[in-house]
Amino acid sequence: MTIWLTELIEQFGYLAIIFLITLENIFPPIPSEAVLTLGGFLTTRTSLTLVGTIVSSTLGSVIGAIVLFSISRKLTIYRLEKLLNTKLFKLLGFKKEDAQKSINWFNKYGVGAIFYGRCIPVIRSLISIPAGIAHTSWKKFLVLTTLGSFLWNLILIGLGAYMGQKWHIVVKIFDDYTLIIIIIAIIILAYFCYKWYHTRLRR
């Protein structure tokens, strides 16, 4: 994969970076850590510049985020309420009113997660979905997404340029970090399922 990515970026330059990061944000078959750190390394041996690589990767991040955000915005409160009102979700303990409650919670506490979520592997690609469902304003979404993506891209590209030919070490570190995030998420989910189950039993 490294050879393919290198040839693609060397041949198409910033357009390849925009394409790969856009694709990663919609459906992440290629981790952004690999593209960004490799891009940073290539700035030391090709005509690519740090500024150009950071700008093009941030543009790709925003384009990909806009696609998911736009799709998620079509999932209206009414559609959510209909979904939660089905037998399956009722059996799981959900109520029709939970849709509005979840949107209100995101509007109150979760908007900042758009910025921070852009700096967390895996989460960075998915954070656009709850933001879209909650109908976060376009202006707020674009500003927070751009700033969060810029920070993430700046760090990864900078590390790639600094590490040089050892850029793949950075990818390995972030792969381990991603695994830890997933494990923590599973533990938290299992805990809340456990609490929910016992609450239902007491009722």
C-alpha atoms as a PDB file:
ATOM      1  CA  MET A   1       0.000   0.000   0.000  1.00  0.00           C
ATOM      2  CA  THR A   2       2.869   2.385   0.815  1.00  0.00           C
ATOM      3  CA  ILE A   3       4.281   2.067  -2.700  1.00  0.00           C
ATOM      4  CA  TRP A   4       0.856   2.716  -4.233  1.00  0.00           C
ATOM      5  CA  LEU A   5       0.229   5.758  -2.035  1.00  0.00           C
ATOM      6  CA  THR A   6       3.684   7.146  -2.766  1.00  0.00           C
ATOM      7  CA  GLU A   7       3.279   6.763  -6.535  1.00  0.00           C
ATOM      8  CA  LEU A   8      -0.212   8.283  -6.431  1.00  0.00           C
ATOM      9  CA  ILE A   9       0.882  11.341  -4.444  1.00  0.00           C
ATOM     10  CA  GLU A  10       4.076  11.803  -6.468  1.00  0.00           C
ATOM     11  CA  GLN A  11       2.103  11.646  -9.723  1.00  0.00           C
ATOM     12  CA  PHE A  12      -0.941  13.763  -8.832  1.00  0.00           C
ATOM     13  CA  GLY A  13       0.416  15.792  -5.913  1.00  0.00           C
ATOM     14  CA  TYR A  14      -2.110  17.840  -3.949  1.00  0.00           C
ATOM     15  CA  LEU A  15      -5.068  16.454  -5.936  1.00  0.00           C
ATOM     16  CA  ALA A  16      -4.182  12.944  -4.739  1.00  0.00           C
ATOM     17  CA  ILE A  17      -4.029  14.147  -1.132  1.00  0.00           C
ATOM     18  CA  ILE A  18      -7.432  15.854  -1.442  1.00  0.00           C
ATOM     19  CA  PHE A  19      -8.938  12.701  -2.986  1.00  0.00           C
ATOM     20  CA  LEU A  20      -7.466  10.276  -0.430  1.00  0.00           C
ATOM     21  CA  ILE A  21      -8.424  12.359   2.616  1.00  0.00           C
ATOM     22  CA  THR A  22     -11.930  12.968   1.239  1.00  0.00           C
ATOM     23  CA  LEU A  23     -12.343   9.229   0.724  1.00  0.00           C
ATOM     24  CA  GLU A  24     -10.986   8.479   4.211  1.00  0.00           C
ATOM     25  CA  ASN A  25     -13.514  10.852   5.785  1.00  0.00           C
ATOM     26  CA  ILE A  26     -16.505   9.260   4.041  1.00  0.00           C
ATOM     27  CA  PHE A  27     -15.420   5.631   4.221  1.00  0.00           C
ATOM     28  CA  PRO A  28     -11.994   5.066   5.802  1.00  0.00           C
ATOM     29  CA  PRO A  29     -10.349   2.239   3.817  1.00  0.00           C
ATOM     30  CA  ILE A  30      -7.025   4.051   4.162  1.00  0.00           C
ATOM     31  CA  PRO A  31      -6.101   5.552   7.548  1.00  0.00           C
ATOM     32  CA  SER A  32      -5.444   9.286   7.373  1.00  0.00           C
ATOM     33  CA  GLU A  33      -2.385   8.781   9.585  1.00  0.00           C
ATOM     34  CA  ALA A  34      -0.660   6.936   6.729  1.00  0.00           C
ATOM     35  CA  VAL A  35      -1.572   9.498   4.060  1.00  0.00           C
ATOM     36  CA  LEU A  36      -0.680  12.515   6.196  1.00  0.00           C
ATOM     37  CA  THR A  37       2.632  11.288   7.601  1.00  0.00           C
ATOM     38  CA  LEU A  38       3.669   9.997   4.164  1.00  0.00           C
ATOM     39  CA  GLY A  39       2.683  13.370   2.702  1.00  0.00           C
ATOM     40  CA  GLY A  40       4.807  15.083   5.328  1.00  0.00           C
ATOM     41  CA  PHE A  41       7.787  12.897   4.454  1.00  0.00           C
ATOM     42  CA  LEU A  42       7.341  13.554   0.727  1.00  0.00           C
ATOM     43  CA  THR A  43       7.634  17.305   1.329  1.00  0.00           C
ATOM     44  CA  THR A  44      11.305  16.642   2.100  1.00  0.00           C
ATOM     45  CA  ARG A  45      12.039  14.936  -1.234  1.00  0.00           C
ATOM     46  CA  THR A  46       9.487  16.212  -3.787  1.00  0.00           C
ATOM     47  CA  SER A  47       8.050  19.532  -4.942  1.00  0.00           C
ATOM     48  CA  LEU A  48       5.283  19.262  -2.326  1.00  0.00           C
ATOM     49  CA  THR A  49       5.422  21.927   0.409  1.00  0.00           C
ATOM     50  CA  LEU A  50       4.308  21.712   4.023  1.00  0.00           C
ATOM     51  CA  VAL A  51       1.806  24.542   3.576  1.00  0.00           C
ATOM     52  CA  GLY A  52       0.355  23.073   0.386  1.00  0.00           C
ATOM     53  CA  THR A  53       0.066  19.604   1.895  1.00  0.00           C
ATOM     54  CA  ILE A  54      -1.649  20.911   5.034  1.00  0.00           C
ATOM     55  CA  VAL A  55      -4.084  23.054   3.021  1.00  0.00           C
ATOM     56  CA  SER A  56      -4.971  20.285   0.542  1.00  0.00           C
ATOM     57  CA  SER A  57      -5.471  17.674   3.288  1.00  0.00           C
ATOM     58  CA  THR A  58      -7.657  20.084   5.264  1.00  0.00           C
ATOM     59  CA  LEU A  59      -9.716  20.746   2.136  1.00  0.00           C
ATOM     60  CA  GLY A  60     -10.155  17.000   1.644  1.00  0.00           C
ATOM     61  CA  SER A  61     -11.217  16.601   5.287  1.00  0.00           C
ATOM     62  CA  VAL A  62     -13.843  19.334   4.961  1.00  0.00           C
ATOM     63  CA  ILE A  63     -15.225  17.945   1.673  1.00  0.00           C
ATOM     64  CA  GLY A  64     -15.593  14.451   3.166  1.00  0.00           C
ATOM     65  CA  ALA A  65     -17.181  15.822   6.333  1.00  0.00           C
ATOM     66  CA  ILE A  66     -19.671  17.873   4.299  1.00  0.00           C
ATOM     67  CA  VAL A  67     -20.835  14.752   2.436  1.00  0.00           C
ATOM     68  CA  LEU A  68     -21.619  12.844   5.668  1.00  0.00           C
ATOM     69  CA  PHE A  69     -23.061  15.938   7.337  1.00  0.00           C
ATOM     70  CA  SER A  70     -25.391  16.597   4.393  1.00  0.00           C
ATOM     71  CA  ILE A  71     -26.667  13.014   4.357  1.00  0.00           C
ATOM     72  CA  SER A  72     -27.182  12.984   8.146  1.00  0.00           C
ATOM     73  CA  ARG A  73     -29.186  16.219   8.061  1.00  0.00           C
ATOM     74  CA  LYS A  74     -31.859  14.420   6.033  1.00  0.00           C
ATOM     75  CA  LEU A  75     -32.459  12.161   9.024  1.00  0.00           C
ATOM     76  CA  THR A  76     -35.117  14.396  10.575  1.00  0.00           C
ATOM     77  CA  ILE A  77     -36.596  14.301  14.066  1.00  0.00           C
ATOM     78  CA  TYR A  78     -39.763  12.809  12.567  1.00  0.00           C
ATOM     79  CA  ARG A  79     -37.834   9.971  10.929  1.00  0.00           C
ATOM     80  CA  LEU A  80     -35.885   9.346  14.114  1.00  0.00           C
ATOM     81  CA  GLU A  81     -39.089   9.253  16.156  1.00  0.00           C
ATOM     82  CA  LYS A  82     -40.638   6.772  13.704  1.00  0.00           C
ATOM     83  CA  LEU A  83     -37.552   4.583  13.992  1.00  0.00           C
ATOM     84  CA  LEU A  84     -37.559   4.657  17.800  1.00  0.00           C
ATOM     85  CA  ASN A  85     -41.292   3.944  17.808  1.00  0.00           C
ATOM     86  CA  THR A  86     -40.858   0.551  16.128  1.00  0.00           C
ATOM     87  CA  LYS A  87     -41.286  -2.649  18.141  1.00  0.00           C
ATOM     88  CA  LEU A  88     -37.581  -3.489  18.050  1.00  0.00           C
ATOM     89  CA  PHE A  89     -36.464  -0.197  19.589  1.00  0.00           C
ATOM     90  CA  LYS A  90     -39.339  -0.236  22.081  1.00  0.00           C
ATOM     91  CA  LEU A  91     -38.197  -3.695  23.155  1.00  0.00           C
ATOM     92  CA  LEU A  92     -34.704  -2.296  23.700  1.00  0.00           C
ATOM     93  CA  GLY A  93     -36.151   0.338  26.022  1.00  0.00           C
ATOM     94  CA  PHE A  94     -36.154   3.340  23.702  1.00  0.00           C
ATOM     95  CA  LYS A  95     -38.988   5.838  23.538  1.00  0.00           C
ATOM     96  CA  LYS A  96     -40.203   8.148  20.808  1.00  0.00           C
ATOM     97  CA  GLU A  97     -39.287  11.138  22.999  1.00  0.00           C
ATOM     98  CA  ASP A  98     -35.642  10.009  23.169  1.00  0.00           C
ATOM     99  CA  ALA A  99     -35.032  11.449  19.692  1.00  0.00           C
ATOM    100  CA  GLN A 100     -35.656  15.035  20.748  1.00  0.00           C
ATOM    101  CA  LYS A 101     -33.800  14.499  24.024  1.00  0.00           C
ATOM    102  CA  SER A 102     -30.681  13.262  22.235  1.00  0.00           C
ATOM    103  CA  ILE A 103     -30.728  16.199  19.812  1.00  0.00           C
ATOM    104  CA  ASN A 104     -31.140  18.667  22.682  1.00  0.00           C
ATOM    105  CA  TRP A 105     -28.201  17.031  24.515  1.00  0.00           C
ATOM    106  CA  PHE A 106     -25.929  17.344  21.490  1.00  0.00           C
ATOM    107  CA  ASN A 107     -26.949  20.966  20.963  1.00  0.00           C
ATOM    108  CA  LYS A 108     -26.122  21.733  24.587  1.00  0.00           C
ATOM    109  CA  TYR A 109     -22.972  19.708  25.167  1.00  0.00           C
ATOM    110  CA  GLY A 110     -21.876  18.008  21.972  1.00  0.00           C
ATOM    111  CA  VAL A 111     -21.095  20.808  19.527  1.00  0.00           C
ATOM    112  CA  GLY A 112     -17.537  21.133  20.876  1.00  0.00           C
ATOM    113  CA  ALA A 113     -17.126  17.436  20.102  1.00  0.00           C
ATOM    114  CA  ILE A 114     -17.030  18.352  16.400  1.00  0.00           C
ATOM    115  CA  PHE A 115     -13.683  20.073  16.988  1.00  0.00           C
ATOM    116  CA  TYR A 116     -12.188  17.537  19.405  1.00  0.00           C
ATOM    117  CA  GLY A 117     -13.589  14.577  17.485  1.00  0.00           C
ATOM    118  CA  ARG A 118     -11.625  15.605  14.401  1.00  0.00           C
ATOM    119  CA  CYS A 119      -8.434  14.834  16.331  1.00  0.00           C
ATOM    120  CA  ILE A 120      -9.380  11.275  17.334  1.00  0.00           C
ATOM    121  CA  PRO A 121      -8.817   8.313  14.979  1.00  0.00           C
ATOM    122  CA  VAL A 122     -12.032   6.638  13.731  1.00  0.00           C
ATOM    123  CA  ILE A 123     -14.191   9.170  15.617  1.00  0.00           C
ATOM    124  CA  ARG A 124     -12.954  11.939  13.301  1.00  0.00           C
ATOM    125  CA  SER A 125     -14.755  10.338  10.358  1.00  0.00           C
ATOM    126  CA  LEU A 126     -18.001   9.661  12.234  1.00  0.00           C
ATOM    127  CA  ILE A 127     -18.495  12.879  14.206  1.00  0.00           C
ATOM    128  CA  SER A 128     -20.238  14.497  11.221  1.00  0.00           C
ATOM    129  CA  ILE A 129     -23.196  12.103  11.601  1.00  0.00           C
ATOM    130  CA  PRO A 130     -24.545  13.206  15.032  1.00  0.00           C
ATOM    131  CA  ALA A 131     -23.771  16.796  14.070  1.00  0.00           C
ATOM    132  CA  GLY A 132     -25.947  16.406  10.982  1.00  0.00           C
ATOM    133  CA  ILE A 133     -28.764  14.653  12.831  1.00  0.00           C
ATOM    134  CA  ALA A 134     -28.746  17.445  15.426  1.00  0.00           C
ATOM    135  CA  HIS A 135     -28.954  19.993  12.579  1.00  0.00           C
ATOM    136  CA  THR A 136     -25.928  21.911  13.791  1.00  0.00           C
ATOM    137  CA  SER A 137     -25.661  25.153  11.816  1.00  0.00           C
ATOM    138  CA  TRP A 138     -23.545  24.996   8.664  1.00  0.00           C
ATOM    139  CA  LYS A 139     -21.381  27.870   9.815  1.00  0.00           C
ATOM    140  CA  LYS A 140     -20.580  26.296  13.176  1.00  0.00           C
ATOM    141  CA  PHE A 141     -20.007  22.874  11.643  1.00  0.00           C
ATOM    142  CA  LEU A 142     -17.672  24.167   8.929  1.00  0.00           C
ATOM    143  CA  VAL A 143     -15.655  26.361  11.310  1.00  0.00           C
ATOM    144  CA  LEU A 144     -15.168  23.614  13.923  1.00  0.00           C
ATOM    145  CA  THR A 145     -14.492  20.943  11.289  1.00  0.00           C
ATOM    146  CA  THR A 146     -11.938  23.114   9.503  1.00  0.00           C
ATOM    147  CA  LEU A 147     -10.115  24.064  12.712  1.00  0.00           C
ATOM    148  CA  GLY A 148     -10.101  20.508  14.089  1.00  0.00           C
ATOM    149  CA  SER A 149      -8.990  19.033  10.764  1.00  0.00           C
ATOM    150  CA  PHE A 150      -6.293  21.674  10.345  1.00  0.00           C
ATOM    151  CA  LEU A 151      -4.865  20.846  13.784  1.00  0.00           C
ATOM    152  CA  TRP A 152      -4.890  17.083  13.126  1.00  0.00           C
ATOM    153  CA  ASN A 153      -3.327  17.471   9.677  1.00  0.00           C
ATOM    154  CA  LEU A 154      -0.721  19.931  10.933  1.00  0.00           C
ATOM    155  CA  ILE A 155       0.438  17.512  13.644  1.00  0.00           C
ATOM    156  CA  LEU A 156       0.568  14.418  11.409  1.00  0.00           C
ATOM    157  CA  ILE A 157       2.182  16.123   8.425  1.00  0.00           C
ATOM    158  CA  GLY A 158       4.681  17.872  10.700  1.00  0.00           C
ATOM    159  CA  LEU A 159       5.579  14.553  12.340  1.00  0.00           C
ATOM    160  CA  GLY A 160       5.991  12.919   8.922  1.00  0.00           C
ATOM    161  CA  ALA A 161       8.370  15.658   7.773  1.00  0.00           C
ATOM    162  CA  TYR A 162      10.297  15.532  11.046  1.00  0.00           C
ATOM    163  CA  MET A 163      10.653  11.728  11.076  1.00  0.00           C
ATOM    164  CA  GLY A 164      11.671  11.552   7.407  1.00  0.00           C
ATOM    165  CA  GLN A 165      12.140   7.984   6.193  1.00  0.00           C
ATOM    166  CA  LYS A 166      11.003   6.714   9.601  1.00  0.00           C
ATOM    167  CA  TRP A 167       7.526   8.238   9.117  1.00  0.00           C
ATOM    168  CA  HIS A 168       5.941   4.761   9.344  1.00  0.00           C
ATOM    169  CA  ILE A 169       6.835   4.684  13.068  1.00  0.00           C
ATOM    170  CA  VAL A 170       4.291   7.465  13.612  1.00  0.00           C
ATOM    171  CA  VAL A 171       1.631   5.382  11.849  1.00  0.00           C
ATOM    172  CA  LYS A 172       2.434   2.410  14.098  1.00  0.00           C
ATOM    173  CA  ILE A 173       2.057   4.552  17.212  1.00  0.00           C
ATOM    174  CA  PHE A 174      -1.318   5.896  16.051  1.00  0.00           C
ATOM    175  CA  ASP A 175      -2.474   2.389  15.135  1.00  0.00           C
ATOM    176  CA  ASP A 176      -1.836   1.353  18.738  1.00  0.00           C
ATOM    177  CA  TYR A 177      -3.600   4.512  19.953  1.00  0.00           C
ATOM    178  CA  THR A 178      -6.640   3.699  17.785  1.00  0.00           C
ATOM    179  CA  LEU A 179      -6.830   0.207  19.277  1.00  0.00           C
ATOM    180  CA  ILE A 180      -6.814   1.691  22.788  1.00  0.00           C
ATOM    181  CA  ILE A 181      -9.636   4.092  21.834  1.00  0.00           C
ATOM    182  CA  ILE A 182     -11.737   1.207  20.490  1.00  0.00           C
ATOM    183  CA  ILE A 183     -11.133  -0.887  23.620  1.00  0.00           C
ATOM    184  CA  ILE A 184     -12.117   2.024  25.888  1.00  0.00           C
ATOM    185  CA  ALA A 185     -15.265   2.640  23.802  1.00  0.00           C
ATOM    186  CA  ILE A 186     -16.254  -1.039  24.093  1.00  0.00           C
ATOM    187  CA  ILE A 187     -15.720  -0.990  27.871  1.00  0.00           C
ATOM    188  CA  ILE A 188     -17.824   2.174  28.247  1.00  0.00           C
ATOM    189  CA  LEU A 189     -20.583   0.720  26.048  1.00  0.00           C
ATOM    190  CA  ALA A 190     -20.589  -2.531  28.033  1.00  0.00           C
ATOM    191  CA  TYR A 191     -20.827  -0.564  31.301  1.00  0.00           C
ATOM    192  CA  PHE A 192     -23.822   1.466  30.138  1.00  0.00           C
ATOM    193  CA  CYS A 193     -25.535  -1.652  28.786  1.00  0.00           C
ATOM    194  CA  TYR A 194     -25.005  -3.275  32.169  1.00  0.00           C
ATOM    195  CA  LYS A 195     -26.441  -0.234  34.025  1.00  0.00           C
ATOM    196  CA  TRP A 196     -29.384  -0.016  31.634  1.00  0.00           C
ATOM    197  CA  TYR A 197     -30.160  -3.714  32.024  1.00  0.00           C
ATOM    198  CA  HIS A 198     -30.190  -3.545  35.826  1.00  0.00           C
ATOM    199  CA  THR A 199     -32.293  -0.382  35.766  1.00  0.00           C
ATOM    200  CA  ARG A 200     -34.870  -2.146  33.589  1.00  0.00           C
ATOM    201  CA  LEU A 201     -34.877  -5.122  35.964  1.00  0.00           C
ATOM    202  CA  ARG A 202     -35.525  -2.878  38.987  1.00  0.00           C
ATOM    203  CA  ARG A 203     -38.435  -1.262  37.172  1.00  0.00           C
END
